[in-house]
All heavy atoms as atom14 arrays in JSON, in Angstrom:
{
  "sequence": "GVQQAPREIQLESTQTPEQVSAAVAAAVKSGGLLSLTDEKGRVVVVPA",
  "atom14_mask": [
    [1, 1, 1, 1, 0, 0, 0, 0, 0, 0, 0, 0, 0, 0],
    [1, 1, 1, 1, 1, 1, 1, 0, 0, 0, 0, 0, 0, 0],
    [1, 1, 1, 1, 1, 1, 1, 1, 1, 0, 0, 0, 0, 0],
    [1, 1, 1, 1, 1, 1, 1, 1, 1, 0, 0, 0, 0, 0],
    [1, 1, 1, 1, 1, 0, 0, 0, 0, 0, 0, 0, 0, 0],
    [1, 1, 1, 1, 1, 1, 1, 0, 0, 0, 0, 0, 0, 0],
    [1, 1, 1, 1, 1, 1, 1, 1, 1, 1, 1, 0, 0, 0],
    [1, 1, 1, 1, 1, 1, 1, 1, 1, 0, 0, 0, 0, 0],
    [1, 1, 1, 1, 1, 1, 1, 1, 0, 0, 0, 0, 0, 0],
    [1, 1, 1, 1, 1, 1, 1, 1, 1, 0, 0, 0, 0, 0],
    [1, 1, 1, 1, 1, 1, 1, 1, 0, 0, 0, 0, 0, 0],
    [1, 1, 1, 1, 1, 1, 1, 1, 1, 0, 0, 0, 0, 0],
    [1, 1, 1, 1, 1, 1, 0, 0, 0, 0, 0, 0, 0, 0],
    [1, 1, 1, 1, 1, 1, 1, 0, 0, 0, 0, 0, 0, 0],
    [1, 1, 1, 1, 1, 1, 1, 1, 1, 0, 0, 0, 0, 0],
    [1, 1, 1, 1, 1, 1, 1, 0, 0, 0, 0, 0, 0, 0],
    [1, 1, 1, 1, 1, 1, 1, 0, 0, 0, 0, 0, 0, 0],
    [1, 1, 1, 1, 1, 1, 1, 1, 1, 0, 0, 0, 0, 0],
    [1, 1, 1, 1, 1, 1, 1, 1, 1, 0, 0, 0, 0, 0],
    [1, 1, 1, 1, 1, 1, 1, 0, 0, 0, 0, 0, 0, 0],
    [1, 1, 1, 1, 1, 1, 0, 0, 0, 0, 0, 0, 0, 0],
    [1, 1, 1, 1, 1, 0, 0, 0, 0, 0, 0, 0, 0, 0],
    [1, 1, 1, 1, 1, 0, 0, 0, 0, 0, 0, 0, 0, 0],
    [1, 1, 1, 1, 1, 1, 1, 0, 0, 0, 0, 0, 0, 0],
    [1, 1, 1, 1, 1, 0, 0, 0, 0, 0, 0, 0, 0, 0],
    [1, 1, 1, 1, 1, 0, 0, 0, 0, 0, 0, 0, 0, 0],
    [1, 1, 1, 1, 1, 0, 0, 0, 0, 0, 0, 0, 0, 0],
    [1, 1, 1, 1, 1, 1, 1, 0, 0, 0, 0, 0, 0, 0],
    [1, 1, 1, 1, 1, 1, 1, 1, 1, 0, 0, 0, 0, 0],
    [1, 1, 1, 1, 1, 1, 0, 0, 0, 0, 0, 0, 0, 0],
    [1, 1, 1, 1, 0, 0, 0, 0, 0, 0, 0, 0, 0, 0],
    [1, 1, 1, 1, 0, 0, 0, 0, 0, 0, 0, 0, 0, 0],
    [1, 1, 1, 1, 1, 1, 1, 1, 0, 0, 0, 0, 0, 0],
    [1, 1, 1, 1, 1, 1, 1, 1, 0, 0, 0, 0, 0, 0],
    [1, 1, 1, 1, 1, 1, 0, 0, 0, 0, 0, 0, 0, 0],
    [1, 1, 1, 1, 1, 1, 1, 1, 0, 0, 0, 0, 0, 0],
    [1, 1, 1, 1, 1, 1, 1, 0, 0, 0, 0, 0, 0, 0],
    [1, 1, 1, 1, 1, 1, 1, 1, 0, 0, 0, 0, 0, 0],
    [1, 1, 1, 1, 1, 1, 1, 1, 1, 0, 0, 0, 0, 0],
    [1, 1, 1, 1, 1, 1, 1, 1, 1, 0, 0, 0, 0, 0],
    [1, 1, 1, 1, 0, 0, 0, 0, 0, 0, 0, 0, 0, 0],
    [1, 1, 1, 1, 1, 1, 1, 1, 1, 1, 1, 0, 0, 0],
    [1, 1, 1, 1, 1, 1, 1, 0, 0, 0, 0, 0, 0, 0],
    [1, 1, 1, 1, 1, 1, 1, 0, 0, 0, 0, 0, 0, 0],
    [1, 1, 1, 1, 1, 1, 1, 0, 0, 0, 0, 0, 0, 0],
    [1, 1, 1, 1, 1, 1, 1, 0, 0, 0, 0, 0, 0, 0],
    [1, 1, 1, 1, 1, 1, 1, 0, 0, 0, 0, 0, 0, 0],
    [1, 1, 1, 1, 1, 0, 0, 0, 0, 0, 0, 0, 0, 0]
  ],
  "atom14_positions": [
    [[8.52, 56.63, -34.41], [7.85, 56.49, -33.09], [8.61, 57.3, -32.1], [9.89, 57.19, -32.01], [0.0, 0.0, 0.0], [0.0, 0.0, 0.0], [0.0, 0.0, 0.0], [0.0, 0.0, 0.0], [0.0, 0.0, 0.0], [0.0, 0.0, 0.0], [0.0, 0.0, 0.0], [0.0, 0.0, 0.0], [0.0, 0.0, 0.0], [0.0, 0.0, 0.0]],
    [[7.98, 58.09, -31.29], [8.6, 58.92, -30.29], [8.11, 58.48, -28.94], [6.93, 58.3, -28.71], [8.27, 60.42, -30.5], [8.91, 61.27, -29.44], [8.6, 60.87, -31.92], [0.0, 0.0, 0.0], [0.0, 0.0, 0.0], [0.0, 0.0, 0.0], [0.0, 0.0, 0.0], [0.0, 0.0, 0.0], [0.0, 0.0, 0.0], [0.0, 0.0, 0.0]],
    [[9.09, 58.25, -27.99], [8.77, 57.83, -26.63], [7.77, 58.8, -26.05], [7.91, 60.05, -26.19], [10.04, 57.72, -25.82], [10.94, 56.65, -26.25], [12.26, 56.65, -25.48], [12.33, 57.14, -24.41], [13.3, 56.07, -26.1], [0.0, 0.0, 0.0], [0.0, 0.0, 0.0], [0.0, 0.0, 0.0], [0.0, 0.0, 0.0], [0.0, 0.0, 0.0]],
    [[6.82, 58.33, -25.27], [5.82, 59.1, -24.53], [4.92, 59.88, -25.46], [4.27, 60.9, -24.95], [6.59, 60.11, -23.53], [7.6, 59.45, -22.59], [6.91, 58.48, -21.65], [5.82, 58.69, -21.13], [7.57, 57.32, -21.4], [0.0, 0.0, 0.0], [0.0, 0.0, 0.0], [0.0, 0.0, 0.0], [0.0, 0.0, 0.0], [0.0, 0.0, 0.0]],
    [[4.88, 59.56, -26.67], [3.94, 60.26, -27.64], [2.94, 59.24, -28.17], [3.34, 58.12, -28.52], [4.71, 60.88, -28.79], [0.0, 0.0, 0.0], [0.0, 0.0, 0.0], [0.0, 0.0, 0.0], [0.0, 0.0, 0.0], [0.0, 0.0, 0.0], [0.0, 0.0, 0.0], [0.0, 0.0, 0.0], [0.0, 0.0, 0.0], [0.0, 0.0, 0.0]],
    [[1.65, 59.58, -28.14], [0.61, 58.62, -28.54], [0.53, 58.35, -30.04], [0.06, 57.28, -30.41], [-0.69, 59.26, -28.04], [-0.38, 60.73, -28.08], [1.1, 60.85, -27.75], [0.0, 0.0, 0.0], [0.0, 0.0, 0.0], [0.0, 0.0, 0.0], [0.0, 0.0, 0.0], [0.0, 0.0, 0.0], [0.0, 0.0, 0.0], [0.0, 0.0, 0.0]],
    [[1.11, 59.2, -30.85], [1.05, 59.0, -32.32], [2.44, 59.09, -32.91], [3.31, 59.73, -32.39], [0.22, 60.13, -32.94], [-1.26, 60.17, -32.42], [-2.02, 61.31, -32.98], [-2.38, 60.97, -34.36], [-2.94, 61.87, -35.16], [-3.11, 63.09, -34.79], [-3.24, 61.53, -36.41], [0.0, 0.0, 0.0], [0.0, 0.0, 0.0], [0.0, 0.0, 0.0]],
    [[2.59, 58.28, -34.0], [3.85, 58.3, -34.7], [3.9, 59.56, -35.75], [2.86, 60.03, -36.08], [4.11, 57.0, -35.42], [3.14, 56.78, -36.55], [3.24, 55.39, -37.14], [3.96, 54.53, -36.55], [2.63, 55.09, -38.15], [0.0, 0.0, 0.0], [0.0, 0.0, 0.0], [0.0, 0.0, 0.0], [0.0, 0.0, 0.0], [0.0, 0.0, 0.0]],
    [[5.08, 59.87, -36.08], [5.3, 60.95, -37.1], [5.45, 60.22, -38.41], [6.21, 59.29, -38.51], [6.51, 61.74, -36.75], [6.38, 62.47, -35.43], [6.72, 62.82, -37.88], [7.67, 63.04, -34.91], [0.0, 0.0, 0.0], [0.0, 0.0, 0.0], [0.0, 0.0, 0.0], [0.0, 0.0, 0.0], [0.0, 0.0, 0.0], [0.0, 0.0, 0.0]],
    [[4.7, 60.63, -39.43], [4.8, 60.08, -40.78], [5.18, 61.23, -41.71], [4.66, 62.3, -41.7], [3.48, 59.52, -41.25], [3.15, 58.2, -40.59], [1.97, 57.58, -41.26], [0.86, 58.01, -41.07], [2.14, 56.57, -42.06], [0.0, 0.0, 0.0], [0.0, 0.0, 0.0], [0.0, 0.0, 0.0], [0.0, 0.0, 0.0], [0.0, 0.0, 0.0]],
    [[6.15, 60.84, -42.66], [6.51, 61.81, -43.7], [7.0, 61.07, -44.87], [7.39, 59.88, -44.79], [7.54, 62.8, -43.21], [8.88, 62.25, -42.79], [9.93, 62.67, -43.82], [9.3, 62.84, -41.44], [0.0, 0.0, 0.0], [0.0, 0.0, 0.0], [0.0, 0.0, 0.0], [0.0, 0.0, 0.0], [0.0, 0.0, 0.0], [0.0, 0.0, 0.0]],
    [[6.93, 61.68, -46.05], [7.52, 61.16, -47.23], [8.75, 62.03, -47.58], [8.64, 63.23, -47.74], [6.5, 61.16, -48.39], [5.46, 60.05, -48.2], [4.61, 59.85, -49.46], [5.01, 60.31, -50.49], [3.59, 59.28, -49.29], [0.0, 0.0, 0.0], [0.0, 0.0, 0.0], [0.0, 0.0, 0.0], [0.0, 0.0, 0.0], [0.0, 0.0, 0.0]],
    [[9.88, 61.39, -47.65], [11.16, 62.07, -47.88], [11.67, 61.73, -49.22], [11.49, 60.7, -49.77], [12.19, 61.62, -46.82], [13.46, 62.15, -47.14], [0.0, 0.0, 0.0], [0.0, 0.0, 0.0], [0.0, 0.0, 0.0], [0.0, 0.0, 0.0], [0.0, 0.0, 0.0], [0.0, 0.0, 0.0], [0.0, 0.0, 0.0], [0.0, 0.0, 0.0]],
    [[12.37, 62.77, -49.84], [12.95, 62.57, -51.17], [14.27, 61.81, -51.04], [14.89, 61.49, -52.03], [13.13, 63.91, -51.88], [13.96, 64.75, -51.12], [11.79, 64.56, -52.2], [0.0, 0.0, 0.0], [0.0, 0.0, 0.0], [0.0, 0.0, 0.0], [0.0, 0.0, 0.0], [0.0, 0.0, 0.0], [0.0, 0.0, 0.0], [0.0, 0.0, 0.0]],
    [[14.8, 61.61, -49.83], [16.0, 60.9, -49.6], [15.84, 59.4, -49.84], [14.72, 58.91, -49.82], [16.49, 61.06, -48.13], [16.87, 62.47, -47.8], [17.23, 62.63, -46.33], [16.39, 62.45, -45.45], [18.51, 62.88, -46.08], [0.0, 0.0, 0.0], [0.0, 0.0, 0.0], [0.0, 0.0, 0.0], [0.0, 0.0, 0.0], [0.0, 0.0, 0.0]],
    [[16.91, 58.74, -50.13], [16.89, 57.25, -50.27], [16.8, 56.62, -48.92], [17.13, 57.17, -47.94], [18.14, 56.73, -50.97], [19.28, 56.96, -50.08], [18.37, 57.41, -52.33], [0.0, 0.0, 0.0], [0.0, 0.0, 0.0], [0.0, 0.0, 0.0], [0.0, 0.0, 0.0], [0.0, 0.0, 0.0], [0.0, 0.0, 0.0], [0.0, 0.0, 0.0]],
    [[16.36, 55.29, -48.92], [16.32, 54.59, -47.64], [17.68, 54.58, -46.93], [17.81, 54.74, -45.73], [15.87, 53.19, -48.02], [15.11, 53.37, -49.3], [15.76, 54.51, -49.98], [0.0, 0.0, 0.0], [0.0, 0.0, 0.0], [0.0, 0.0, 0.0], [0.0, 0.0, 0.0], [0.0, 0.0, 0.0], [0.0, 0.0, 0.0], [0.0, 0.0, 0.0]],
    [[18.78, 54.55, -47.7], [20.09, 54.47, -47.12], [20.42, 55.81, -46.51], [21.08, 55.84, -45.43], [21.14, 54.08, -48.24], [21.0, 52.69, -48.78], [19.85, 52.48, -49.78], [19.3, 53.52, -50.31], [19.47, 51.34, -49.99], [0.0, 0.0, 0.0], [0.0, 0.0, 0.0], [0.0, 0.0, 0.0], [0.0, 0.0, 0.0], [0.0, 0.0, 0.0]],
    [[20.03, 56.89, -47.11], [20.39, 58.28, -46.57], [19.54, 58.42, -45.3], [20.09, 59.0, -44.33], [19.99, 59.3, -47.56], [20.9, 59.38, -48.77], [20.41, 60.31, -49.85], [19.15, 60.39, -50.12], [21.3, 61.04, -50.47], [0.0, 0.0, 0.0], [0.0, 0.0, 0.0], [0.0, 0.0, 0.0], [0.0, 0.0, 0.0], [0.0, 0.0, 0.0]],
    [[18.29, 58.03, -45.23], [17.51, 58.15, -44.0], [18.15, 57.3, -42.92], [18.3, 57.77, -41.77], [16.06, 57.74, -44.23], [15.23, 57.75, -42.94], [15.39, 58.69, -45.22], [0.0, 0.0, 0.0], [0.0, 0.0, 0.0], [0.0, 0.0, 0.0], [0.0, 0.0, 0.0], [0.0, 0.0, 0.0], [0.0, 0.0, 0.0], [0.0, 0.0, 0.0]],
    [[18.49, 56.08, -43.24], [19.09, 55.17, -42.26], [20.44, 55.77, -41.72], [20.68, 55.68, -40.49], [19.35, 53.8, -42.93], [19.9, 52.9, -42.0], [0.0, 0.0, 0.0], [0.0, 0.0, 0.0], [0.0, 0.0, 0.0], [0.0, 0.0, 0.0], [0.0, 0.0, 0.0], [0.0, 0.0, 0.0], [0.0, 0.0, 0.0], [0.0, 0.0, 0.0]],
    [[21.24, 56.36, -42.59], [22.48, 56.95, -42.12], [22.21, 58.12, -41.23], [22.93, 58.35, -40.21], [23.28, 57.38, -43.35], [0.0, 0.0, 0.0], [0.0, 0.0, 0.0], [0.0, 0.0, 0.0], [0.0, 0.0, 0.0], [0.0, 0.0, 0.0], [0.0, 0.0, 0.0], [0.0, 0.0, 0.0], [0.0, 0.0, 0.0], [0.0, 0.0, 0.0]],
    [[21.18, 58.93, -41.56], [20.85, 60.08, -40.68], [20.38, 59.61, -39.28], [20.77, 60.21, -38.28], [19.81, 60.92, -41.32], [0.0, 0.0, 0.0], [0.0, 0.0, 0.0], [0.0, 0.0, 0.0], [0.0, 0.0, 0.0], [0.0, 0.0, 0.0], [0.0, 0.0, 0.0], [0.0, 0.0, 0.0], [0.0, 0.0, 0.0], [0.0, 0.0, 0.0]],
    [[19.62, 58.55, -39.26], [19.16, 57.97, -37.97], [20.38, 57.49, -37.16], [20.5, 57.81, -35.99], [18.14, 56.91, -38.17], [17.77, 56.2, -36.87], [16.87, 57.46, -38.82], [0.0, 0.0, 0.0], [0.0, 0.0, 0.0], [0.0, 0.0, 0.0], [0.0, 0.0, 0.0], [0.0, 0.0, 0.0], [0.0, 0.0, 0.0], [0.0, 0.0, 0.0]],
    [[21.19, 56.74, -37.86], [22.39, 56.16, -37.18], [23.3, 57.3, -36.63], [23.78, 57.19, -35.5], [23.16, 55.26, -38.1], [0.0, 0.0, 0.0], [0.0, 0.0, 0.0], [0.0, 0.0, 0.0], [0.0, 0.0, 0.0], [0.0, 0.0, 0.0], [0.0, 0.0, 0.0], [0.0, 0.0, 0.0], [0.0, 0.0, 0.0], [0.0, 0.0, 0.0]],
    [[23.55, 58.33, -37.43], [24.37, 59.41, -36.94], [23.75, 60.14, -35.74], [24.51, 60.5, -34.8], [24.57, 60.4, -38.11], [0.0, 0.0, 0.0], [0.0, 0.0, 0.0], [0.0, 0.0, 0.0], [0.0, 0.0, 0.0], [0.0, 0.0, 0.0], [0.0, 0.0, 0.0], [0.0, 0.0, 0.0], [0.0, 0.0, 0.0], [0.0, 0.0, 0.0]],
    [[22.44, 60.35, -35.8], [21.78, 61.01, -34.68], [21.85, 60.21, -33.42], [22.13, 60.73, -32.3], [20.32, 61.32, -35.05], [0.0, 0.0, 0.0], [0.0, 0.0, 0.0], [0.0, 0.0, 0.0], [0.0, 0.0, 0.0], [0.0, 0.0, 0.0], [0.0, 0.0, 0.0], [0.0, 0.0, 0.0], [0.0, 0.0, 0.0], [0.0, 0.0, 0.0]],
    [[21.63, 58.89, -33.54], [21.68, 58.01, -32.34], [23.13, 57.96, -31.8], [23.32, 58.07, -30.6], [21.15, 56.6, -32.65], [21.45, 55.65, -31.56], [19.72, 56.67, -33.01], [0.0, 0.0, 0.0], [0.0, 0.0, 0.0], [0.0, 0.0, 0.0], [0.0, 0.0, 0.0], [0.0, 0.0, 0.0], [0.0, 0.0, 0.0], [0.0, 0.0, 0.0]],
    [[24.11, 57.86, -32.71], [25.51, 57.75, -32.26], [25.96, 59.05, -31.54], [26.63, 58.97, -30.51], [26.41, 57.49, -33.47], [27.85, 57.34, -33.12], [28.7, 56.97, -34.34], [30.17, 56.76, -33.93], [31.0, 56.44, -35.07], [0.0, 0.0, 0.0], [0.0, 0.0, 0.0], [0.0, 0.0, 0.0], [0.0, 0.0, 0.0], [0.0, 0.0, 0.0]],
    [[25.54, 60.15, -32.11], [25.97, 61.47, -31.47], [25.13, 61.84, -30.28], [25.5, 62.76, -29.5], [25.94, 62.55, -32.5], [24.6, 62.9, -32.88], [0.0, 0.0, 0.0], [0.0, 0.0, 0.0], [0.0, 0.0, 0.0], [0.0, 0.0, 0.0], [0.0, 0.0, 0.0], [0.0, 0.0, 0.0], [0.0, 0.0, 0.0], [0.0, 0.0, 0.0]],
    [[23.94, 61.27, -30.19], [23.0, 61.66, -29.11], [22.4, 63.01, -29.39], [21.86, 63.64, -28.53], [0.0, 0.0, 0.0], [0.0, 0.0, 0.0], [0.0, 0.0, 0.0], [0.0, 0.0, 0.0], [0.0, 0.0, 0.0], [0.0, 0.0, 0.0], [0.0, 0.0, 0.0], [0.0, 0.0, 0.0], [0.0, 0.0, 0.0], [0.0, 0.0, 0.0]],
    [[22.44, 63.41, -30.62], [21.93, 64.75, -31.01], [20.51, 64.7, -31.49], [19.65, 64.01, -30.91], [0.0, 0.0, 0.0], [0.0, 0.0, 0.0], [0.0, 0.0, 0.0], [0.0, 0.0, 0.0], [0.0, 0.0, 0.0], [0.0, 0.0, 0.0], [0.0, 0.0, 0.0], [0.0, 0.0, 0.0], [0.0, 0.0, 0.0], [0.0, 0.0, 0.0]],
    [[20.3, 65.38, -32.61], [18.97, 65.51, -33.19], [18.85, 64.74, -34.52], [19.79, 64.79, -35.32], [18.58, 66.97, -33.43], [18.57, 67.87, -32.17], [18.44, 69.29, -32.64], [17.46, 67.46, -31.25], [0.0, 0.0, 0.0], [0.0, 0.0, 0.0], [0.0, 0.0, 0.0], [0.0, 0.0, 0.0], [0.0, 0.0, 0.0], [0.0, 0.0, 0.0]],
    [[17.75, 64.08, -34.73], [17.41, 63.53, -36.06], [16.62, 64.57, -36.76], [15.59, 65.04, -36.29], [16.54, 62.24, -35.91], [15.95, 61.71, -37.25], [17.11, 61.35, -38.22], [15.13, 60.48, -37.0], [0.0, 0.0, 0.0], [0.0, 0.0, 0.0], [0.0, 0.0, 0.0], [0.0, 0.0, 0.0], [0.0, 0.0, 0.0], [0.0, 0.0, 0.0]],
    [[17.07, 65.0, -37.94], [16.43, 66.01, -38.72], [16.23, 65.48, -40.13], [17.16, 65.1, -40.86], [17.3, 67.32, -38.78], [16.7, 68.31, -39.58], [0.0, 0.0, 0.0], [0.0, 0.0, 0.0], [0.0, 0.0, 0.0], [0.0, 0.0, 0.0], [0.0, 0.0, 0.0], [0.0, 0.0, 0.0], [0.0, 0.0, 0.0], [0.0, 0.0, 0.0]],
    [[14.91, 65.44, -40.55], [14.54, 64.96, -41.86], [13.65, 65.99, -42.56], [12.86, 66.61, -41.84], [13.85, 63.6, -41.78], [14.65, 62.4, -41.22], [13.69, 61.23, -41.1], [15.82, 62.09, -42.1], [0.0, 0.0, 0.0], [0.0, 0.0, 0.0], [0.0, 0.0, 0.0], [0.0, 0.0, 0.0], [0.0, 0.0, 0.0], [0.0, 0.0, 0.0]],
    [[13.75, 66.1, -43.82], [12.95, 67.05, -44.63], [12.04, 66.24, -45.5], [12.45, 65.28, -46.16], [13.83, 67.96, -45.51], [14.8, 68.62, -44.65], [13.05, 69.0, -46.23], [0.0, 0.0, 0.0], [0.0, 0.0, 0.0], [0.0, 0.0, 0.0], [0.0, 0.0, 0.0], [0.0, 0.0, 0.0], [0.0, 0.0, 0.0], [0.0, 0.0, 0.0]],
    [[10.71, 66.63, -45.48], [9.78, 65.89, -46.31], [9.73, 66.5, -47.74], [10.45, 67.46, -48.02], [8.36, 65.87, -45.64], [7.62, 67.2, -45.68], [8.17, 68.18, -46.31], [6.5, 67.24, -45.13], [0.0, 0.0, 0.0], [0.0, 0.0, 0.0], [0.0, 0.0, 0.0], [0.0, 0.0, 0.0], [0.0, 0.0, 0.0], [0.0, 0.0, 0.0]],
    [[8.9, 65.9, -48.59], [8.83, 66.3, -49.95], [8.31, 67.69, -50.17], [8.58, 68.31, -51.19], [7.92, 65.34, -50.71], [8.44, 63.95, -50.97], [7.55, 63.04, -51.73], [6.37, 63.21, -51.73], [8.1, 62.13, -52.36], [0.0, 0.0, 0.0], [0.0, 0.0, 0.0], [0.0, 0.0, 0.0], [0.0, 0.0, 0.0], [0.0, 0.0, 0.0]],
    [[7.64, 68.29, -49.16], [7.17, 69.64, -49.33], [8.1, 70.66, -48.65], [7.79, 71.82, -48.55], [5.77, 69.78, -48.65], [4.75, 68.93, -49.42], [3.33, 69.04, -48.75], [2.44, 68.16, -49.52], [1.09, 68.15, -48.89], [0.0, 0.0, 0.0], [0.0, 0.0, 0.0], [0.0, 0.0, 0.0], [0.0, 0.0, 0.0], [0.0, 0.0, 0.0]],
    [[9.23, 70.21, -48.23], [10.22, 71.07, -47.63], [10.08, 71.31, -46.12], [10.83, 72.1, -45.54], [0.0, 0.0, 0.0], [0.0, 0.0, 0.0], [0.0, 0.0, 0.0], [0.0, 0.0, 0.0], [0.0, 0.0, 0.0], [0.0, 0.0, 0.0], [0.0, 0.0, 0.0], [0.0, 0.0, 0.0], [0.0, 0.0, 0.0], [0.0, 0.0, 0.0]],
    [[9.15, 70.68, -45.46], [8.98, 70.81, -44.04], [10.03, 70.01, -43.36], [10.39, 68.87, -43.79], [7.54, 70.36, -43.61], [6.45, 71.25, -44.16], [5.16, 70.77, -43.75], [4.93, 69.47, -44.42], [3.67, 68.98, -44.73], [2.65, 69.62, -44.32], [3.62, 67.85, -45.38], [0.0, 0.0, 0.0], [0.0, 0.0, 0.0], [0.0, 0.0, 0.0]],
    [[10.51, 70.52, -42.22], [11.58, 69.8, -41.51], [11.05, 69.22, -40.17], [10.35, 69.92, -39.45], [12.76, 70.76, -41.12], [13.8, 70.07, -40.32], [13.33, 71.37, -42.45], [0.0, 0.0, 0.0], [0.0, 0.0, 0.0], [0.0, 0.0, 0.0], [0.0, 0.0, 0.0], [0.0, 0.0, 0.0], [0.0, 0.0, 0.0], [0.0, 0.0, 0.0]],
    [[11.34, 67.91, -39.91], [10.93, 67.27, -38.7], [12.22, 67.05, -37.92], [13.14, 66.46, -38.43], [10.26, 65.93, -39.02], [9.96, 65.15, -37.73], [8.98, 66.17, -39.84], [0.0, 0.0, 0.0], [0.0, 0.0, 0.0], [0.0, 0.0, 0.0], [0.0, 0.0, 0.0], [0.0, 0.0, 0.0], [0.0, 0.0, 0.0], [0.0, 0.0, 0.0]],
    [[12.2, 67.49, -36.66], [13.38, 67.32, -35.78], [12.98, 66.56, -34.52], [12.01, 67.04, -33.87], [14.01, 68.7, -35.43], [15.24, 68.51, -34.52], [14.4, 69.46, -36.7], [0.0, 0.0, 0.0], [0.0, 0.0, 0.0], [0.0, 0.0, 0.0], [0.0, 0.0, 0.0], [0.0, 0.0, 0.0], [0.0, 0.0, 0.0], [0.0, 0.0, 0.0]],
    [[13.68, 65.51, -34.19], [13.39, 64.7, -33.02], [14.67, 64.44, -32.24], [15.61, 64.0, -32.86], [12.7, 63.35, -33.4], [12.37, 62.53, -32.19], [11.44, 63.54, -34.24], [0.0, 0.0, 0.0], [0.0, 0.0, 0.0], [0.0, 0.0, 0.0], [0.0, 0.0, 0.0], [0.0, 0.0, 0.0], [0.0, 0.0, 0.0], [0.0, 0.0, 0.0]],
    [[14.68, 64.67, -30.95], [15.9, 64.31, -30.15], [16.11, 62.84, -30.24], [15.24, 62.02, -30.06], [15.52, 64.74, -28.72], [14.39, 65.7, -28.91], [13.64, 65.28, -30.11], [0.0, 0.0, 0.0], [0.0, 0.0, 0.0], [0.0, 0.0, 0.0], [0.0, 0.0, 0.0], [0.0, 0.0, 0.0], [0.0, 0.0, 0.0], [0.0, 0.0, 0.0]],
    [[17.39, 62.41, -30.54], [17.72, 60.99, -30.7], [17.31, 60.19, -29.49], [16.87, 59.04, -29.61], [19.2, 60.85, -30.98], [0.0, 0.0, 0.0], [0.0, 0.0, 0.0], [0.0, 0.0, 0.0], [0.0, 0.0, 0.0], [0.0, 0.0, 0.0], [0.0, 0.0, 0.0], [0.0, 0.0, 0.0], [0.0, 0.0, 0.0], [0.0, 0.0, 0.0]]
  ]
}
């Protein structure tokens, strides 16, 4: 879910739930970018 956006972003990642959770936590802690890659190799980047 992205603030001020009417739709959520959905993707299927080859990462484990723990890896995705760690990536989210690291992005929030650093105030940087959350970057996830889906099963087709597309990259989704969202400012934390």
